Amino acid sequence: MNMAIRGIDADLGPYQADTFFNDLHPTLKADFIMANPPFNLSNWGQDKLKEDKRWKYGTPPAGNANYAWI
């Protein structure tokens, strides 16, 4: 909504999706990223993403979403 009010055009994908579990832009290279991360969330779904290729530096701890969003 904030982007629409300010007239910012963006390709958000064909439908609403979750960046962790259903990335609609897996090959996108971006200069800027807007996010509203779930800081301090204790159950962020680490068990479903243990083998995800995005964890270049290791899998973040299961009990802290802060590291997953960094």
PDB file of N, CA and C in Angstrom:
ATOM      1  N   MET A   1       0.820  -1.173   0.000  1.00  0.00           N
ATOM      2  CA  MET A   1       0.000   0.000   0.000  1.00  0.00           C
ATOM      3  C   MET A   1       0.872   1.248   0.000  1.00  0.00           C
ATOM      4  N   ASN A   2       1.939   1.222   0.769  1.00  0.00           N
ATOM      5  CA  ASN A   2       2.844   2.359   0.855  1.00  0.00           C
ATOM      6  C   ASN A   2       3.433   2.694  -0.516  1.00  0.00           C
ATOM      7  N   MET A   3       3.787   1.684  -1.298  1.00  0.00           N
ATOM      8  CA  MET A   3       4.346   1.907  -2.630  1.00  0.00           C
ATOM      9  C   MET A   3       3.299   2.514  -3.558  1.00  0.00           C
ATOM     10  N   ALA A   4       2.078   2.041  -3.474  1.00  0.00           N
ATOM     11  CA  ALA A   4       1.006   2.553  -4.335  1.00  0.00           C
ATOM     12  C   ALA A   4       0.718   4.023  -4.040  1.00  0.00           C
ATOM     13  N   ILE A   5       0.690   4.386  -2.782  1.00  0.00           N
ATOM     14  CA  ILE A   5       0.436   5.779  -2.400  1.00  0.00           C
ATOM     15  C   ILE A   5       1.506   6.704  -2.959  1.00  0.00           C
ATOM     16  N   ARG A   6       2.743   6.240  -3.002  1.00  0.00           N
ATOM     17  CA  ARG A   6       3.852   7.059  -3.477  1.00  0.00           C
ATOM     18  C   ARG A   6       4.112   6.929  -4.978  1.00  0.00           C
ATOM     19  N   GLY A   7       3.308   6.136  -5.661  1.00  0.00           N
ATOM     20  CA  GLY A   7       3.444   5.996  -7.102  1.00  0.00           C
ATOM     21  C   GLY A   7       4.651   5.179  -7.532  1.00  0.00           C
ATOM     22  N   ILE A   8       5.106   4.270  -6.680  1.00  0.00           N
ATOM     23  CA  ILE A   8       6.258   3.420  -7.013  1.00  0.00           C
ATOM     24  C   ILE A   8       5.755   2.176  -7.726  1.00  0.00           C
ATOM     25  N   ASP A   9       6.234   1.954  -8.938  1.00  0.00           N
ATOM     26  CA  ASP A   9       5.834   0.802  -9.726  1.00  0.00           C
ATOM     27  C   ASP A   9       6.792  -0.358  -9.452  1.00  0.00           C
ATOM     28  N   ALA A  10       6.270  -1.551  -9.277  1.00  0.00           N
ATOM     29  CA  ALA A  10       7.116  -2.710  -9.006  1.00  0.00           C
ATOM     30  C   ALA A  10       6.437  -3.978  -9.490  1.00  0.00           C
ATOM     31  N   ASP A  11       7.235  -4.939  -9.883  1.00  0.00           N
ATOM     32  CA  ASP A  11       6.729  -6.257 -10.260  1.00  0.00           C
ATOM     33  C   ASP A  11       6.784  -7.127  -9.013  1.00  0.00           C
ATOM     34  N   LEU A  12       5.659  -7.281  -8.352  1.00  0.00           N
ATOM     35  CA  LEU A  12       5.608  -8.064  -7.124  1.00  0.00           C
ATOM     36  C   LEU A  12       5.239  -9.522  -7.383  1.00  0.00           C
ATOM     37  N   GLY A  13       5.068  -9.882  -8.644  1.00  0.00           N
ATOM     38  CA  GLY A  13       4.717 -11.250  -9.002  1.00  0.00           C
ATOM     39  C   GLY A  13       3.242 -11.385  -9.324  1.00  0.00           C
ATOM     40  N   PRO A  14       2.857 -12.528  -9.864  1.00  0.00           N
ATOM     41  CA  PRO A  14       1.469 -12.728 -10.279  1.00  0.00           C
ATOM     42  C   PRO A  14       0.495 -12.928  -9.116  1.00  0.00           C
ATOM     43  N   TYR A  15       0.996 -13.226  -7.925  1.00  0.00           N
ATOM     44  CA  TYR A  15       0.147 -13.414  -6.751  1.00  0.00           C
ATOM     45  C   TYR A  15       0.977 -13.219  -5.491  1.00  0.00           C
ATOM     46  N   GLN A  16       0.311 -13.065  -4.361  1.00  0.00           N
ATOM     47  CA  GLN A  16       0.997 -12.870  -3.089  1.00  0.00           C
ATOM     48  C   GLN A  16       1.747 -14.148  -2.725  1.00  0.00           C
ATOM     49  N   ALA A  17       2.995 -13.996  -2.303  1.00  0.00           N
ATOM     50  CA  ALA A  17       3.794 -15.156  -1.943  1.00  0.00           C
ATOM     51  C   ALA A  17       4.709 -14.831  -0.772  1.00  0.00           C
ATOM     52  N   ASP A  18       5.246 -15.849  -0.182  1.00  0.00           N
ATOM     53  CA  ASP A  18       6.158 -15.726   0.940  1.00  0.00           C
ATOM     54  C   ASP A  18       7.581 -15.869   0.410  1.00  0.00           C
ATOM     55  N   THR A  19       8.424 -14.904   0.691  1.00  0.00           N
ATOM     56  CA  THR A  19       9.789 -14.906   0.177  1.00  0.00           C
ATOM     57  C   THR A  19      10.570 -16.146   0.579  1.00  0.00           C
ATOM     58  N   PHE A  20      10.355 -16.624   1.769  1.00  0.00           N
ATOM     59  CA  PHE A  20      11.087 -17.811   2.231  1.00  0.00           C
ATOM     60  C   PHE A  20      10.617 -19.086   1.549  1.00  0.00           C
ATOM     61  N   PHE A  21       9.317 -19.306   1.507  1.00  0.00           N
ATOM     62  CA  PHE A  21       8.787 -20.587   1.064  1.00  0.00           C
ATOM     63  C   PHE A  21       8.323 -20.640  -0.380  1.00  0.00           C
ATOM     64  N   ASN A  22       8.133 -19.493  -1.027  1.00  0.00           N
ATOM     65  CA  ASN A  22       7.683 -19.483  -2.414  1.00  0.00           C
ATOM     66  C   ASN A  22       8.204 -18.217  -3.086  1.00  0.00           C
ATOM     67  N   ASP A  23       9.467 -18.205  -3.405  1.00  0.00           N
ATOM     68  CA  ASP A  23      10.111 -17.032  -4.006  1.00  0.00           C
ATOM     69  C   ASP A  23       9.679 -16.897  -5.462  1.00  0.00           C
ATOM     70  N   LEU A  24       8.983 -15.806  -5.783  1.00  0.00           N
ATOM     71  CA  LEU A  24       8.507 -15.584  -7.152  1.00  0.00           C
ATOM     72  C   LEU A  24       9.582 -14.991  -8.058  1.00  0.00           C
ATOM     73  N   HIS A  25      10.717 -14.603  -7.497  1.00  0.00           N
ATOM     74  CA  HIS A  25      11.786 -13.981  -8.271  1.00  0.00           C
ATOM     75  C   HIS A  25      13.136 -14.626  -7.928  1.00  0.00           C
ATOM     76  N   PRO A  26      13.310 -15.918  -8.154  1.00  0.00           N
ATOM     77  CA  PRO A  26      14.534 -16.605  -7.722  1.00  0.00           C
ATOM     78  C   PRO A  26      15.813 -16.151  -8.430  1.00  0.00           C
ATOM     79  N   THR A  27      15.718 -15.565  -9.601  1.00  0.00           N
ATOM     80  CA  THR A  27      16.917 -15.135 -10.330  1.00  0.00           C
ATOM     81  C   THR A  27      17.104 -13.621 -10.315  1.00  0.00           C
ATOM     82  N   LEU A  28      16.256 -12.921  -9.609  1.00  0.00           N
ATOM     83  CA  LEU A  28      16.309 -11.460  -9.570  1.00  0.00           C
ATOM     84  C   LEU A  28      17.564 -10.948  -8.875  1.00  0.00           C
ATOM     85  N   LYS A  29      18.246 -10.029  -9.511  1.00  0.00           N
ATOM     86  CA  LYS A  29      19.357  -9.289  -8.912  1.00  0.00           C
ATOM     87  C   LYS A  29      18.833  -7.884  -8.677  1.00  0.00           C
ATOM     88  N   ALA A  30      18.916  -7.374  -7.452  1.00  0.00           N
ATOM     89  CA  ALA A  30      18.317  -6.084  -7.125  1.00  0.00           C
ATOM     90  C   ALA A  30      19.316  -5.140  -6.477  1.00  0.00           C
ATOM     91  N   ASP A  31      19.140  -3.858  -6.741  1.00  0.00           N
ATOM     92  CA  ASP A  31      19.951  -2.826  -6.102  1.00  0.00           C
ATOM     93  C   ASP A  31      19.360  -2.431  -4.752  1.00  0.00           C
ATOM     94  N   PHE A  32      18.036  -2.523  -4.617  1.00  0.00           N
ATOM     95  CA  PHE A  32      17.346  -2.150  -3.386  1.00  0.00           C
ATOM     96  C   PHE A  32      16.304  -3.207  -3.067  1.00  0.00           C
ATOM     97  N   ILE A  33      16.109  -3.460  -1.791  1.00  0.00           N
ATOM     98  CA  ILE A  33      15.097  -4.409  -1.343  1.00  0.00           C
ATOM     99  C   ILE A  33      14.291  -3.763  -0.232  1.00  0.00           C
ATOM    100  N   MET A  34      12.974  -3.785  -0.377  1.00  0.00           N
ATOM    101  CA  MET A  34      12.097  -3.299   0.688  1.00  0.00           C
ATOM    102  C   MET A  34      11.577  -4.517   1.432  1.00  0.00           C
ATOM    103  N   ALA A  35      11.669  -4.484   2.744  1.00  0.00           N
ATOM    104  CA  ALA A  35      11.236  -5.645   3.513  1.00  0.00           C
ATOM    105  C   ALA A  35      10.644  -5.227   4.850  1.00  0.00           C
ATOM    106  N   ASN A  36       9.807  -6.074   5.356  1.00  0.00           N
ATOM    107  CA  ASN A  36       9.258  -5.925   6.690  1.00  0.00           C
ATOM    108  C   ASN A  36       9.521  -7.249   7.399  1.00  0.00           C
ATOM    109  N   PRO A  37      10.772  -7.469   7.799  1.00  0.00           N
ATOM    110  CA  PRO A  37      11.137  -8.763   8.362  1.00  0.00           C
ATOM    111  C   PRO A  37      10.500  -9.038   9.719  1.00  0.00           C
ATOM    112  N   PRO A  38      10.218 -10.301   9.985  1.00  0.00           N
ATOM    113  CA  PRO A  38       9.617 -10.680  11.270  1.00  0.00           C
ATOM    114  C   PRO A  38      10.687 -10.806  12.359  1.00  0.00           C
ATOM    115  N   PHE A  39      11.233  -9.696  12.789  1.00  0.00           N
ATOM    116  CA  PHE A  39      12.273  -9.722  13.806  1.00  0.00           C
ATOM    117  C   PHE A  39      11.791 -10.421  15.074  1.00  0.00           C
ATOM    118  N   ASN A  40      12.692 -11.162  15.670  1.00  0.00           N
ATOM    119  CA  ASN A  40      12.462 -11.864  16.936  1.00  0.00           C
ATOM    120  C   ASN A  40      11.393 -12.951  16.850  1.00  0.00           C
ATOM    121  N   LEU A  41      11.075 -13.407  15.660  1.00  0.00           N
ATOM    122  CA  LEU A  41      10.125 -14.498  15.499  1.00  0.00           C
ATOM    123  C   LEU A  41      10.841 -15.799  15.839  1.00  0.00           C
ATOM    124  N   SER A  42      10.307 -16.570  16.745  1.00  0.00           N
ATOM    125  CA  SER A  42      11.007 -17.776  17.188  1.00  0.00           C
ATOM    126  C   SER A  42      10.742 -18.996  16.307  1.00  0.00           C
ATOM    127  N   ASN A  43       9.659 -19.008  15.566  1.00  0.00           N
ATOM    128  CA  ASN A  43       9.349 -20.155  14.708  1.00  0.00           C
ATOM    129  C   ASN A  43       9.207 -19.663  13.270  1.00  0.00           C
ATOM    130  N   TRP A  44      10.328 -19.464  12.591  1.00  0.00           N
ATOM    131  CA  TRP A  44      10.299 -18.890  11.243  1.00  0.00           C
ATOM    132  C   TRP A  44      10.337 -19.932  10.133  1.00  0.00           C
ATOM    133  N   GLY A  45      10.381 -21.206  10.455  1.00  0.00           N
ATOM    134  CA  GLY A  45      10.316 -22.265   9.453  1.00  0.00           C
ATOM    135  C   GLY A  45      11.653 -22.842   9.039  1.00  0.00           C
ATOM    136  N   GLN A  46      12.650 -22.770   9.902  1.00  0.00           N
ATOM    137  CA  GLN A  46      13.982 -23.280   9.575  1.00  0.00           C
ATOM    138  C   GLN A  46      13.947 -24.750   9.150  1.00  0.00           C
ATOM    139  N   ASP A  47      13.086 -25.554   9.772  1.00  0.00           N
ATOM    140  CA  ASP A  47      13.002 -26.974   9.453  1.00  0.00           C
ATOM    141  C   ASP A  47      12.635 -27.227   7.992  1.00  0.00           C
ATOM    142  N   LYS A  48      11.911 -26.311   7.366  1.00  0.00           N
ATOM    143  CA  LYS A  48      11.505 -26.469   5.968  1.00  0.00           C
ATOM    144  C   LYS A  48      12.558 -25.963   4.981  1.00  0.00           C
ATOM    145  N   LEU A  49      13.551 -25.228   5.485  1.00  0.00           N
ATOM    146  CA  LEU A  49      14.530 -24.594   4.601  1.00  0.00           C
ATOM    147  C   LEU A  49      15.977 -24.996   4.883  1.00  0.00           C
ATOM    148  N   LYS A  50      16.190 -26.096   5.559  1.00  0.00           N
ATOM    149  CA  LYS A  50      17.559 -26.502   5.923  1.00  0.00           C
ATOM    150  C   LYS A  50      18.472 -26.694   4.722  1.00  0.00           C
ATOM    151  N   GLU A  51      17.946 -27.166   3.615  1.00  0.00           N
ATOM    152  CA  GLU A  51      18.760 -27.436   2.420  1.00  0.00           C
ATOM    153  C   GLU A  51      18.679 -26.315   1.378  1.00  0.00           C
ATOM    154  N   ASP A  52      18.148 -25.172   1.749  1.00  0.00           N
ATOM    155  CA  ASP A  52      17.977 -24.063   0.809  1.00  0.00           C
ATOM    156  C   ASP A  52      19.332 -23.518   0.361  1.00  0.00           C
ATOM    157  N   LYS A  53      19.491 -23.282  -0.936  1.00  0.00           N
ATOM    158  CA  LYS A  53      20.767 -22.810  -1.493  1.00  0.00           C
ATOM    159  C   LYS A  53      21.116 -21.383  -1.074  1.00  0.00           C
ATOM    160  N   ARG A  54      20.151 -20.643  -0.537  1.00  0.00           N
ATOM    161  CA  ARG A  54      20.414 -19.257  -0.133  1.00  0.00           C
ATOM    162  C   ARG A  54      21.243 -19.152   1.143  1.00  0.00           C
ATOM    163  N   TRP A  55      21.391 -20.224   1.891  1.00  0.00           N
ATOM    164  CA  TRP A  55      22.166 -20.172   3.132  1.00  0.00           C
ATOM    165  C   TRP A  55      23.640 -20.400   2.821  1.00  0.00           C
ATOM    166  N   LYS A  56      24.205 -19.461   2.114  1.00  0.00           N
ATOM    167  CA  LYS A  56      25.596 -19.517   1.671  1.00  0.00           C
ATOM    168  C   LYS A  56      26.577 -19.619   2.843  1.00  0.00           C
ATOM    169  N   TYR A  57      26.239 -18.994   3.956  1.00  0.00           N
ATOM    170  CA  TYR A  57      27.138 -18.959   5.112  1.00  0.00           C
ATOM    171  C   TYR A  57      26.642 -19.818   6.272  1.00  0.00           C
ATOM    172  N   GLY A  58      25.740 -20.739   5.994  1.00  0.00           N
ATOM    173  CA  GLY A  58      25.208 -21.622   7.030  1.00  0.00           C
ATOM    174  C   GLY A  58      23.746 -21.326   7.317  1.00  0.00           C
ATOM    175  N   THR A  59      23.063 -22.308   7.844  1.00  0.00           N
ATOM    176  CA  THR A  59      21.645 -22.169   8.168  1.00  0.00           C
ATOM    177  C   THR A  59      21.469 -21.363   9.452  1.00  0.00           C
ATOM    178  N   PRO A  60      20.620 -20.344   9.435  1.00  0.00           N
ATOM    179  CA  PRO A  60      20.357 -19.558  10.644  1.00  0.00           C
ATOM    180  C   PRO A  60      19.726 -20.427  11.734  1.00  0.00           C
ATOM    181  N   PRO A  61      19.877 -20.042  13.000  1.00  0.00           N
ATOM    182  CA  PRO A  61      19.295 -20.826  14.088  1.00  0.00           C
ATOM    183  C   PRO A  61      17.774 -20.885  14.009  1.00  0.00           C
ATOM    184  N   ALA A  62      17.221 -22.015  14.415  1.00  0.00           N
ATOM    185  CA  ALA A  62      15.775 -22.220  14.349  1.00  0.00           C
ATOM    186  C   ALA A  62      14.999 -21.268  15.244  1.00  0.00           C
ATOM    187  N   GLY A  63      15.556 -20.841  16.349  1.00  0.00           N
ATOM    188  CA  GLY A  63      14.819 -20.032  17.313  1.00  0.00           C
ATOM    189  C   GLY A  63      14.955 -18.538  17.157  1.00  0.00           C
ATOM    190  N   ASN A  64      15.530 -18.051  16.032  1.00  0.00           N
ATOM    191  CA  ASN A  64      15.709 -16.610  15.885  1.00  0.00           C
ATOM    192  C   ASN A  64      15.668 -16.208  14.415  1.00  0.00           C
ATOM    193  N   ALA A  65      14.588 -15.562  13.998  1.00  0.00           N
ATOM    194  CA  ALA A  65      14.412 -15.156  12.612  1.00  0.00           C
ATOM    195  C   ALA A  65      15.332 -14.001  12.216  1.00  0.00           C
ATOM    196  N   ASN A  66      15.895 -13.295  13.174  1.00  0.00           N
ATOM    197  CA  ASN A  66      16.749 -12.151  12.851  1.00  0.00           C
ATOM    198  C   ASN A  66      17.871 -12.551  11.913  1.00  0.00           C
ATOM    199  N   TYR A  67      18.529 -13.659  12.171  1.00  0.00           N
ATOM    200  CA  TYR A  67      19.647 -14.092  11.346  1.00  0.00           C
ATOM    201  C   TYR A  67      19.198 -14.572   9.964  1.00  0.00           C
ATOM    202  N   ALA A  68      18.003 -15.080   9.859  1.00  0.00           N
ATOM    203  CA  ALA A  68      17.481 -15.522   8.570  1.00  0.00           C
ATOM    204  C   ALA A  68      17.276 -14.325   7.636  1.00  0.00           C
ATOM    205  N   TRP A  69      16.904 -13.181   8.195  1.00  0.00           N
ATOM    206  CA  TRP A  69      16.637 -12.004   7.383  1.00  0.00           C
ATOM    207  C   TRP A  69      17.889 -11.209   7.042  1.00  0.00           C
ATOM    208  N   ILE A  70      18.944 -11.419   7.795  1.00  0.00           N
ATOM    209  CA  ILE A  70      20.192 -10.710   7.488  1.00  0.00           C
ATOM    210  C   ILE A  70      20.721 -11.237   6.181  1.00  0.00           C
TER     211      ILE A  70
END
